Amino acid sequence: MAKSPRTRHRGRRFERLEKAYGSYWLVRDLKTDIYYAAWFDEEARQTRRRTLHTTSGVEAEKIAENLEKSGITGDP
């Protein structure tokens, strides 16, 4: 018997890259290949993501390095 769509496991959507940039790390959307900056929001106790508007890993790393160098924390 087939499972109902509500109980079916959707699978993993995001892939976390190993290197961290200050309080951020990079994640890639496995369906669209778009990179995101991710961070943990202490107040809400949730992981947050903000798109970097790129599918290039090299470009995403440069953006993340700039966030770290600028000392930006929280929602970039």
C-alpha atoms as a PDB file:
ATOM      1  CA  MET A   1       0.000   0.000   0.000  1.00  0.00           C
ATOM      2  CA  ALA A   2       1.365   3.439  -0.944  1.00  0.00           C
ATOM      3  CA  LYS A   3       2.017   5.993   1.741  1.00  0.00           C
ATOM      4  CA  SER A   4      -0.023   9.138   1.901  1.00  0.00           C
ATOM      5  CA  PRO A   5       1.791  12.244   0.551  1.00  0.00           C
ATOM      6  CA  ARG A   6       1.705  13.763   4.047  1.00  0.00           C
ATOM      7  CA  THR A   7       3.764  10.960   5.573  1.00  0.00           C
ATOM      8  CA  ARG A   8       6.184  10.450   2.687  1.00  0.00           C
ATOM      9  CA  HIS A   9       9.762  11.495   3.453  1.00  0.00           C
ATOM     10  CA  ARG A  10      10.796  14.357   1.203  1.00  0.00           C
ATOM     11  CA  GLY A  11      14.514  13.730   1.469  1.00  0.00           C
ATOM     12  CA  ARG A  12      17.314  16.145   2.072  1.00  0.00           C
ATOM     13  CA  ARG A  13      16.966  19.521   0.343  1.00  0.00           C
ATOM     14  CA  PHE A  14      20.139  21.324   1.449  1.00  0.00           C
ATOM     15  CA  GLU A  15      23.766  20.281   1.570  1.00  0.00           C
ATOM     16  CA  ARG A  16      25.977  21.936   4.182  1.00  0.00           C
ATOM     17  CA  LEU A  17      29.521  22.741   3.105  1.00  0.00           C
ATOM     18  CA  GLU A  18      32.268  22.017   5.623  1.00  0.00           C
ATOM     19  CA  LYS A  19      34.010  25.381   5.992  1.00  0.00           C
ATOM     20  CA  ALA A  20      32.533  28.045   8.286  1.00  0.00           C
ATOM     21  CA  TYR A  21      32.917  31.802   7.807  1.00  0.00           C
ATOM     22  CA  GLY A  22      32.613  33.454  11.208  1.00  0.00           C
ATOM     23  CA  SER A  23      29.057  32.774  12.369  1.00  0.00           C
ATOM     24  CA  TYR A  24      27.994  31.657   8.857  1.00  0.00           C
ATOM     25  CA  TRP A  25      28.312  28.504   6.834  1.00  0.00           C
ATOM     26  CA  LEU A  26      27.372  27.802   3.237  1.00  0.00           C
ATOM     27  CA  VAL A  27      24.554  25.523   2.161  1.00  0.00           C
ATOM     28  CA  ARG A  28      23.576  24.517  -1.361  1.00  0.00           C
ATOM     29  CA  ASP A  29      20.026  23.809  -2.475  1.00  0.00           C
ATOM     30  CA  LEU A  30      20.231  20.351  -4.052  1.00  0.00           C
ATOM     31  CA  LYS A  31      17.327  21.059  -6.417  1.00  0.00           C
ATOM     32  CA  THR A  32      18.397  24.457  -7.774  1.00  0.00           C
ATOM     33  CA  ASP A  33      22.159  24.540  -6.958  1.00  0.00           C
ATOM     34  CA  ILE A  34      21.693  28.010  -5.424  1.00  0.00           C
ATOM     35  CA  TYR A  35      23.977  28.798  -2.486  1.00  0.00           C
ATOM     36  CA  TYR A  36      22.814  30.269   0.810  1.00  0.00           C
ATOM     37  CA  ALA A  37      24.506  31.755   3.856  1.00  0.00           C
ATOM     38  CA  ALA A  38      23.192  29.996   6.955  1.00  0.00           C
ATOM     39  CA  TRP A  39      23.460  30.934  10.630  1.00  0.00           C
ATOM     40  CA  PHE A  40      21.875  30.013  13.937  1.00  0.00           C
ATOM     41  CA  ASP A  41      19.432  32.600  15.282  1.00  0.00           C
ATOM     42  CA  GLU A  42      19.851  32.370  19.071  1.00  0.00           C
ATOM     43  CA  GLU A  43      16.739  34.414  19.855  1.00  0.00           C
ATOM     44  CA  ALA A  44      14.425  32.262  17.718  1.00  0.00           C
ATOM     45  CA  ARG A  45      16.503  29.098  18.323  1.00  0.00           C
ATOM     46  CA  GLN A  46      16.365  28.287  14.600  1.00  0.00           C
ATOM     47  CA  THR A  47      18.779  27.942  11.739  1.00  0.00           C
ATOM     48  CA  ARG A  48      18.206  30.703   9.186  1.00  0.00           C
ATOM     49  CA  ARG A  49      19.239  30.950   5.520  1.00  0.00           C
ATOM     50  CA  ARG A  50      19.623  33.889   3.142  1.00  0.00           C
ATOM     51  CA  THR A  51      20.189  33.352  -0.579  1.00  0.00           C
ATOM     52  CA  LEU A  52      23.473  34.486  -2.089  1.00  0.00           C
ATOM     53  CA  HIS A  53      21.866  34.599  -5.566  1.00  0.00           C
ATOM     54  CA  THR A  54      24.554  32.423  -7.143  1.00  0.00           C
ATOM     55  CA  THR A  55      25.066  28.864  -8.352  1.00  0.00           C
ATOM     56  CA  SER A  56      28.855  29.279  -8.330  1.00  0.00           C
ATOM     57  CA  GLY A  57      30.625  27.749  -5.348  1.00  0.00           C
ATOM     58  CA  VAL A  58      33.624  30.032  -5.866  1.00  0.00           C
ATOM     59  CA  GLU A  59      31.441  33.149  -5.889  1.00  0.00           C
ATOM     60  CA  ALA A  60      29.520  31.944  -2.810  1.00  0.00           C
ATOM     61  CA  GLU A  61      32.810  31.463  -0.937  1.00  0.00           C
ATOM     62  CA  LYS A  62      33.928  34.997  -1.849  1.00  0.00           C
ATOM     63  CA  ILE A  63      30.638  36.451  -0.577  1.00  0.00           C
ATOM     64  CA  ALA A  64      30.911  34.448   2.662  1.00  0.00           C
ATOM     65  CA  GLU A  65      34.528  35.576   3.139  1.00  0.00           C
ATOM     66  CA  ASN A  66      33.415  39.204   2.730  1.00  0.00           C
ATOM     67  CA  LEU A  67      30.669  38.706   5.332  1.00  0.00           C
ATOM     68  CA  GLU A  68      33.263  37.340   7.741  1.00  0.00           C
ATOM     69  CA  LYS A  69      35.777  40.145   7.046  1.00  0.00           C
ATOM     70  CA  SER A  70      33.070  42.790   7.496  1.00  0.00           C
ATOM     71  CA  GLY A  71      32.154  41.391  10.907  1.00  0.00           C
ATOM     72  CA  ILE A  72      28.501  41.031   9.925  1.00  0.00           C
ATOM     73  CA  THR A  73      26.417  38.797  12.201  1.00  0.00           C
ATOM     74  CA  GLY A  74      22.766  37.788  12.011  1.00  0.00           C
ATOM     75  CA  ASP A  75      20.756  38.295   8.832  1.00  0.00           C
ATOM     76  CA  PRO A  76      23.172  39.459   6.129  1.00  0.00           C
END
